[in-house]
Amino acid sequence: MNIQETIERKLVDAIPVLGLEVINESYMHNVPTGSESHFKVVIISDEFEGERLVKRHQRVNKVLAEELAGSVHALAIQALTPDEWKEKGRAVLPSPECLGGGKSDS
């Protein structure tokens, strides 16, 4: 099982999700081809109702603590309730361009 599949499995097992997308964004960074080091998680759950954004992110980070302590270098999180997902037009927000690891050198 690759890291992306592991992230998906762990989140589904820990949080009752209504929607989940795990996107490997490693290609946007200065890493070898095929790397699994930078991810974006879009997770929709009723359990986020009434929770502040920081608490939602802490929950996701706790579930993925092992991966974050290992090979996952960066994790962007979009944690929403179903109503927030609808209000945002069901859109996955774009990630900023990478400026580190030699890409910002000119």
N, C-alpha and C. Protein backbone atom coordinates (compact mmCIF):
# COMPACT_ATOMS: atom_id res chain seq x y z
N MET A 1 0.85 -1.17 0.00
CA MET A 1 0.00 0.00 0.00
C MET A 1 0.90 1.24 0.00
N ASN A 2 0.63 2.18 -0.92
CA ASN A 2 1.44 3.39 -0.96
C ASN A 2 0.96 4.39 0.09
N ILE A 3 1.69 5.49 0.24
CA ILE A 3 1.38 6.46 1.28
C ILE A 3 0.02 7.09 1.06
N GLN A 4 -0.32 7.41 -0.17
CA GLN A 4 -1.62 8.02 -0.46
C GLN A 4 -2.75 7.10 -0.02
N GLU A 5 -2.65 5.83 -0.33
CA GLU A 5 -3.67 4.86 0.09
C GLU A 5 -3.72 4.71 1.61
N THR A 6 -2.56 4.78 2.25
CA THR A 6 -2.51 4.69 3.70
C THR A 6 -3.22 5.89 4.34
N ILE A 7 -2.98 7.08 3.81
CA ILE A 7 -3.65 8.29 4.31
C ILE A 7 -5.16 8.14 4.16
N GLU A 8 -5.61 7.71 3.00
CA GLU A 8 -7.04 7.53 2.76
C GLU A 8 -7.65 6.54 3.75
N ARG A 9 -7.01 5.40 3.91
CA ARG A 9 -7.52 4.35 4.79
C ARG A 9 -7.59 4.84 6.23
N LYS A 10 -6.53 5.48 6.71
CA LYS A 10 -6.50 5.94 8.10
C LYS A 10 -7.58 6.99 8.37
N LEU A 11 -7.77 7.90 7.44
CA LEU A 11 -8.79 8.94 7.66
C LEU A 11 -10.20 8.35 7.66
N VAL A 12 -10.47 7.44 6.73
CA VAL A 12 -11.80 6.81 6.67
C VAL A 12 -12.06 5.97 7.92
N ASP A 13 -11.04 5.34 8.46
CA ASP A 13 -11.19 4.53 9.67
C ASP A 13 -11.40 5.39 10.92
N ALA A 14 -10.85 6.62 10.93
CA ALA A 14 -10.87 7.44 12.13
C ALA A 14 -11.98 8.48 12.18
N ILE A 15 -12.39 8.96 11.01
CA ILE A 15 -13.38 10.05 10.94
C ILE A 15 -14.48 9.62 9.98
N PRO A 16 -15.75 9.70 10.39
CA PRO A 16 -16.83 9.35 9.45
C PRO A 16 -16.93 10.40 8.35
N VAL A 17 -16.40 10.06 7.19
CA VAL A 17 -16.34 11.02 6.09
C VAL A 17 -17.53 10.88 5.15
N LEU A 18 -17.98 12.01 4.65
CA LEU A 18 -19.00 12.04 3.60
C LEU A 18 -18.33 12.26 2.24
N GLY A 19 -17.12 12.76 2.28
CA GLY A 19 -16.33 12.95 1.07
C GLY A 19 -14.87 13.04 1.45
N LEU A 20 -14.01 12.47 0.62
CA LEU A 20 -12.58 12.49 0.88
C LEU A 20 -11.82 12.46 -0.43
N GLU A 21 -10.88 13.36 -0.55
CA GLU A 21 -9.96 13.34 -1.69
C GLU A 21 -8.56 13.58 -1.15
N VAL A 22 -7.66 12.69 -1.46
CA VAL A 22 -6.26 12.82 -1.08
C VAL A 22 -5.47 12.99 -2.38
N ILE A 23 -4.80 14.13 -2.48
CA ILE A 23 -4.11 14.49 -3.72
C ILE A 23 -2.61 14.54 -3.46
N ASN A 24 -1.86 13.78 -4.23
CA ASN A 24 -0.41 13.80 -4.13
C ASN A 24 0.09 15.01 -4.92
N GLU A 25 0.60 16.01 -4.22
CA GLU A 25 1.10 17.23 -4.86
C GLU A 25 2.62 17.27 -4.91
N SER A 26 3.25 16.14 -4.73
CA SER A 26 4.71 16.09 -4.71
C SER A 26 5.33 16.58 -6.01
N TYR A 27 4.64 16.36 -7.12
CA TYR A 27 5.15 16.78 -8.43
C TYR A 27 5.36 18.29 -8.50
N MET A 28 4.70 19.04 -7.62
CA MET A 28 4.81 20.51 -7.61
C MET A 28 6.06 20.98 -6.86
N HIS A 29 6.82 20.05 -6.31
CA HIS A 29 7.95 20.39 -5.45
C HIS A 29 9.24 19.79 -5.98
N ASN A 30 10.32 20.22 -5.39
CA ASN A 30 11.64 19.79 -5.82
C ASN A 30 11.99 18.45 -5.18
N VAL A 31 11.31 17.40 -5.66
CA VAL A 31 11.52 16.05 -5.15
C VAL A 31 11.63 15.10 -6.36
N PRO A 32 12.19 13.93 -6.15
CA PRO A 32 12.28 12.98 -7.27
C PRO A 32 10.91 12.57 -7.81
N THR A 33 10.85 12.27 -9.09
CA THR A 33 9.63 11.80 -9.72
C THR A 33 9.10 10.58 -8.98
N GLY A 34 7.81 10.54 -8.77
CA GLY A 34 7.18 9.42 -8.08
C GLY A 34 7.18 9.55 -6.56
N SER A 35 7.65 10.67 -6.04
CA SER A 35 7.69 10.87 -4.58
C SER A 35 6.29 10.97 -4.00
N GLU A 36 6.19 10.65 -2.74
CA GLU A 36 4.95 10.81 -1.98
C GLU A 36 5.30 11.57 -0.70
N SER A 37 5.54 12.87 -0.86
CA SER A 37 6.01 13.68 0.26
C SER A 37 5.12 14.89 0.55
N HIS A 38 4.33 15.32 -0.41
CA HIS A 38 3.48 16.50 -0.27
C HIS A 38 2.05 16.13 -0.67
N PHE A 39 1.10 16.33 0.25
CA PHE A 39 -0.28 15.94 -0.02
C PHE A 39 -1.26 17.05 0.34
N LYS A 40 -2.41 17.00 -0.30
CA LYS A 40 -3.55 17.82 0.07
C LYS A 40 -4.68 16.86 0.40
N VAL A 41 -5.35 17.13 1.53
CA VAL A 41 -6.49 16.33 1.95
C VAL A 41 -7.72 17.23 1.95
N VAL A 42 -8.73 16.82 1.23
CA VAL A 42 -10.04 17.48 1.27
C VAL A 42 -10.97 16.47 1.93
N ILE A 43 -11.47 16.84 3.11
CA ILE A 43 -12.28 15.91 3.89
C ILE A 43 -13.56 16.61 4.33
N ILE A 44 -14.68 15.97 4.06
CA ILE A 44 -15.99 16.50 4.42
C ILE A 44 -16.61 15.55 5.44
N SER A 45 -17.03 16.11 6.58
CA SER A 45 -17.60 15.28 7.63
C SER A 45 -18.60 16.09 8.46
N ASP A 46 -19.69 15.43 8.84
CA ASP A 46 -20.65 16.03 9.76
C ASP A 46 -20.01 16.28 11.13
N GLU A 47 -18.99 15.50 11.47
CA GLU A 47 -18.34 15.63 12.77
C GLU A 47 -17.62 16.96 12.95
N PHE A 48 -17.38 17.68 11.85
CA PHE A 48 -16.71 18.97 11.95
C PHE A 48 -17.67 20.10 12.35
N GLU A 49 -18.96 19.78 12.37
CA GLU A 49 -19.97 20.78 12.75
C GLU A 49 -19.67 21.33 14.14
N GLY A 50 -19.56 22.64 14.25
CA GLY A 50 -19.29 23.28 15.53
C GLY A 50 -17.84 23.28 15.96
N GLU A 51 -16.97 22.66 15.20
CA GLU A 51 -15.54 22.63 15.53
C GLU A 51 -14.82 23.77 14.82
N ARG A 52 -13.89 24.39 15.51
CA ARG A 52 -13.06 25.41 14.89
C ARG A 52 -12.10 24.75 13.90
N LEU A 53 -11.66 25.52 12.94
CA LEU A 53 -10.78 25.00 11.90
C LEU A 53 -9.51 24.37 12.49
N VAL A 54 -8.93 25.01 13.48
CA VAL A 54 -7.70 24.47 14.07
C VAL A 54 -7.94 23.10 14.68
N LYS A 55 -9.08 22.89 15.31
CA LYS A 55 -9.41 21.58 15.90
C LYS A 55 -9.55 20.52 14.81
N ARG A 56 -10.16 20.88 13.70
CA ARG A 56 -10.31 19.94 12.58
C ARG A 56 -8.94 19.53 12.06
N HIS A 57 -8.06 20.50 11.90
CA HIS A 57 -6.71 20.21 11.40
C HIS A 57 -5.95 19.35 12.40
N GLN A 58 -6.10 19.64 13.69
CA GLN A 58 -5.44 18.83 14.71
C GLN A 58 -5.91 17.38 14.66
N ARG A 59 -7.19 17.18 14.42
CA ARG A 59 -7.73 15.81 14.32
C ARG A 59 -7.08 15.06 13.16
N VAL A 60 -7.02 15.72 11.99
CA VAL A 60 -6.41 15.08 10.82
C VAL A 60 -4.93 14.83 11.07
N ASN A 61 -4.23 15.82 11.62
CA ASN A 61 -2.80 15.65 11.91
C ASN A 61 -2.55 14.51 12.90
N LYS A 62 -3.42 14.37 13.89
CA LYS A 62 -3.26 13.29 14.87
C LYS A 62 -3.42 11.92 14.20
N VAL A 63 -4.41 11.80 13.34
CA VAL A 63 -4.62 10.52 12.63
C VAL A 63 -3.40 10.18 11.78
N LEU A 64 -2.77 11.20 11.20
CA LEU A 64 -1.65 10.98 10.28
C LEU A 64 -0.29 11.26 10.91
N ALA A 65 -0.21 11.22 12.24
CA ALA A 65 1.02 11.56 12.95
C ALA A 65 2.21 10.71 12.49
N GLU A 66 2.00 9.44 12.27
CA GLU A 66 3.09 8.55 11.86
C GLU A 66 3.64 8.96 10.49
N GLU A 67 2.76 9.26 9.56
CA GLU A 67 3.19 9.66 8.22
C GLU A 67 3.88 11.03 8.26
N LEU A 68 3.36 11.94 9.08
CA LEU A 68 3.96 13.28 9.19
C LEU A 68 5.32 13.23 9.88
N ALA A 69 5.54 12.25 10.72
CA ALA A 69 6.84 12.07 11.37
C ALA A 69 7.82 11.33 10.45
N GLY A 70 7.29 10.79 9.37
CA GLY A 70 8.13 10.02 8.45
C GLY A 70 8.32 10.73 7.13
N SER A 71 7.79 10.14 6.08
CA SER A 71 8.09 10.60 4.72
C SER A 71 7.22 11.74 4.21
N VAL A 72 6.12 12.06 4.91
CA VAL A 72 5.26 13.16 4.45
C VAL A 72 5.83 14.46 4.99
N HIS A 73 6.26 15.31 4.07
CA HIS A 73 6.90 16.58 4.42
C HIS A 73 5.88 17.70 4.62
N ALA A 74 4.79 17.67 3.84
CA ALA A 74 3.80 18.74 3.90
C ALA A 74 2.40 18.18 3.68
N LEU A 75 1.44 18.76 4.41
CA LEU A 75 0.05 18.34 4.30
C LEU A 75 -0.85 19.56 4.33
N ALA A 76 -1.51 19.83 3.22
CA ALA A 76 -2.52 20.89 3.16
C ALA A 76 -3.86 20.24 3.47
N ILE A 77 -4.65 20.90 4.31
CA ILE A 77 -5.91 20.31 4.76
C ILE A 77 -7.06 21.27 4.47
N GLN A 78 -8.08 20.73 3.83
CA GLN A 78 -9.34 21.43 3.63
C GLN A 78 -10.38 20.56 4.33
N ALA A 79 -10.72 20.92 5.59
CA ALA A 79 -11.64 20.12 6.41
C ALA A 79 -12.95 20.90 6.56
N LEU A 80 -14.02 20.35 5.99
CA LEU A 80 -15.27 21.09 5.89
C LEU A 80 -16.47 20.26 6.32
N THR A 81 -17.51 20.97 6.75
CA THR A 81 -18.82 20.34 6.95
C THR A 81 -19.48 20.25 5.58
N PRO A 82 -20.52 19.46 5.43
CA PRO A 82 -21.21 19.40 4.14
C PRO A 82 -21.73 20.77 3.68
N ASP A 83 -22.26 21.57 4.61
CA ASP A 83 -22.76 22.90 4.23
C ASP A 83 -21.63 23.82 3.76
N GLU A 84 -20.49 23.77 4.44
CA GLU A 84 -19.34 24.59 4.02
C GLU A 84 -18.85 24.17 2.64
N TRP A 85 -18.85 22.88 2.38
CA TRP A 85 -18.42 22.34 1.08
C TRP A 85 -19.33 22.89 -0.02
N LYS A 86 -20.64 22.89 0.23
CA LYS A 86 -21.59 23.43 -0.74
C LYS A 86 -21.38 24.93 -0.93
N GLU A 87 -21.22 25.67 0.19
CA GLU A 87 -21.02 27.12 0.12
C GLU A 87 -19.78 27.48 -0.68
N LYS A 88 -18.76 26.66 -0.63
CA LYS A 88 -17.51 26.92 -1.36
C LYS A 88 -17.58 26.41 -2.79
N GLY A 89 -18.77 25.99 -3.21
CA GLY A 89 -18.95 25.54 -4.58
C GLY A 89 -18.32 24.20 -4.87
N ARG A 90 -18.14 23.40 -3.81
CA ARG A 90 -17.53 22.07 -3.95
C ARG A 90 -16.18 22.15 -4.67
N ALA A 91 -15.42 23.18 -4.35
CA ALA A 91 -14.15 23.42 -5.04
C ALA A 91 -12.96 23.08 -4.14
N VAL A 92 -12.00 22.38 -4.73
CA VAL A 92 -10.74 22.12 -4.06
C VAL A 92 -9.89 23.37 -4.27
N LEU A 93 -9.45 23.97 -3.17
CA LEU A 93 -8.65 25.19 -3.27
C LEU A 93 -7.27 24.87 -3.82
N PRO A 94 -6.73 25.76 -4.68
CA PRO A 94 -5.39 25.51 -5.22
C PRO A 94 -4.32 25.72 -4.16
N SER A 95 -3.24 24.98 -4.29
CA SER A 95 -2.11 25.14 -3.38
C SER A 95 -1.16 26.17 -3.98
N PRO A 96 -0.43 26.88 -3.11
CA PRO A 96 0.54 27.84 -3.63
C PRO A 96 1.70 27.12 -4.31
N GLU A 97 2.36 27.82 -5.19
CA GLU A 97 3.52 27.24 -5.85
C GLU A 97 4.64 27.06 -4.83
N CYS A 98 5.43 26.03 -5.02
CA CYS A 98 6.56 25.76 -4.15
C CYS A 98 7.67 26.77 -4.45
N LEU A 99 8.23 27.35 -3.41
CA LEU A 99 9.34 28.29 -3.58
C LEU A 99 10.61 27.79 -2.92
N GLY A 100 10.56 26.61 -2.37
CA GLY A 100 11.72 26.08 -1.65
C GLY A 100 12.47 25.03 -2.43
N GLY A 101 13.52 24.55 -1.83
CA GLY A 101 14.28 23.44 -2.40
C GLY A 101 14.93 23.74 -3.73
N GLY A 102 15.32 24.98 -3.96
CA GLY A 102 16.03 25.32 -5.18
C GLY A 102 15.16 25.94 -6.25
N LYS A 103 13.83 25.80 -6.14
CA LYS A 103 12.97 26.36 -7.18
C LYS A 103 12.93 27.87 -7.11
N SER A 104 13.22 28.47 -5.95
CA SER A 104 13.18 29.92 -5.83
C SER A 104 14.52 30.55 -6.19
N ASP A 105 15.54 29.71 -6.37
CA ASP A 105 16.85 30.24 -6.74
C ASP A 105 16.82 30.76 -8.16
N SER A 106 17.29 31.99 -8.34
CA SER A 106 17.34 32.51 -9.71
C SER A 106 18.68 33.12 -9.99
